């Protein structure tokens, strides 16, 4: 199977297609690309944004942890812990923040948190407390692709990588939902149509589950009363977004801007809901789904990135035109990680 490769390349393809349309209105996008939106990688290489760059940072941190744990397949339970992963996420995030991302609209929350991480702040203090931006969701897909990862470890890893930059509980919960969706498709045999119900159930079952062994005192902020109350607010916001997704799918409209139904995707819970909606509007035509996500008034690169990661996890590499693999930026890294996890 090539579902890991399909997901990793899919998120990069979506990112590349949505990058030029991110700050355009729908009429402007249609004027430039036609009524169907961008459907091909126009550049060589096709450039991506911080979405793909940070997803690669997460992916390599996970690979580093596995390699440090011993022979392949050994000691997985000790490789994926907060103590093992935090310094690796820190190093990879800081390296990204100092790299050549000028002109690619990196998130200000991520940049601020990474500057604090570079200065040696405890990661809970480095995180921007009230931010629930989509930066936690755009980069989390690799967590769902790790071979053999169970749902509880996945939840901890997803929330840790999120919390190192974004301290809002909704950012944590939404990152977990995205990672879980990718795992369900790539590893557990779920169908795309199963995602709304799976996400709904997860929001309800995890509402008061605070992962202290992964998050420590991240919850202890002004206004928070207990860890359970802190995280419950995040799950409640995610559940509201999932319910909007479910309502939109009762009578799906491929022509309407998906942002009308589930939000523009600048915040984490909307990025998940609207990215899933775009994927489900075109479950058997992944390129059309990416074009639909890129042809929105919202955070088009992140929405297409989310949709691409999901569709690639569902269909594998066959979801994408063969010619694209040789034209996408970071193709060697994507290929290496995909091959290792496939």
Foldseek 3Di string as FASTA:
>chain_A
DLLLLQLLVQLLVLQLQQQVQQQPALVVQCVVANQLGDQDQPFFQREGAVLSLLLLLLLVLLVVLQVVQDDPPPPPVVSLFQVNRVVSSLVSLLVVLPDPRPPRPDDPLSNQLNVVSVVPDDLLVSADAAAQFQSLQSRLQSLLLAPPDDLVSSLLSSLLSQNSRHLALLNSLLSSLLSVLLNCQQPVPDALVCSLVVLLVVLVVCLQPQDCRRNPVSQPDPPRDDSRVRNNVNSVVLNVLSVLLVVCVVDPDLSDQLCVRRHQRRGRSSLQSSLSSLCVVCVPQLSSSSRSLSSHNHSSSSSSSSVSSNSSSNPPNVNDDPVNLSRYPPSVSSVVSSVVSD
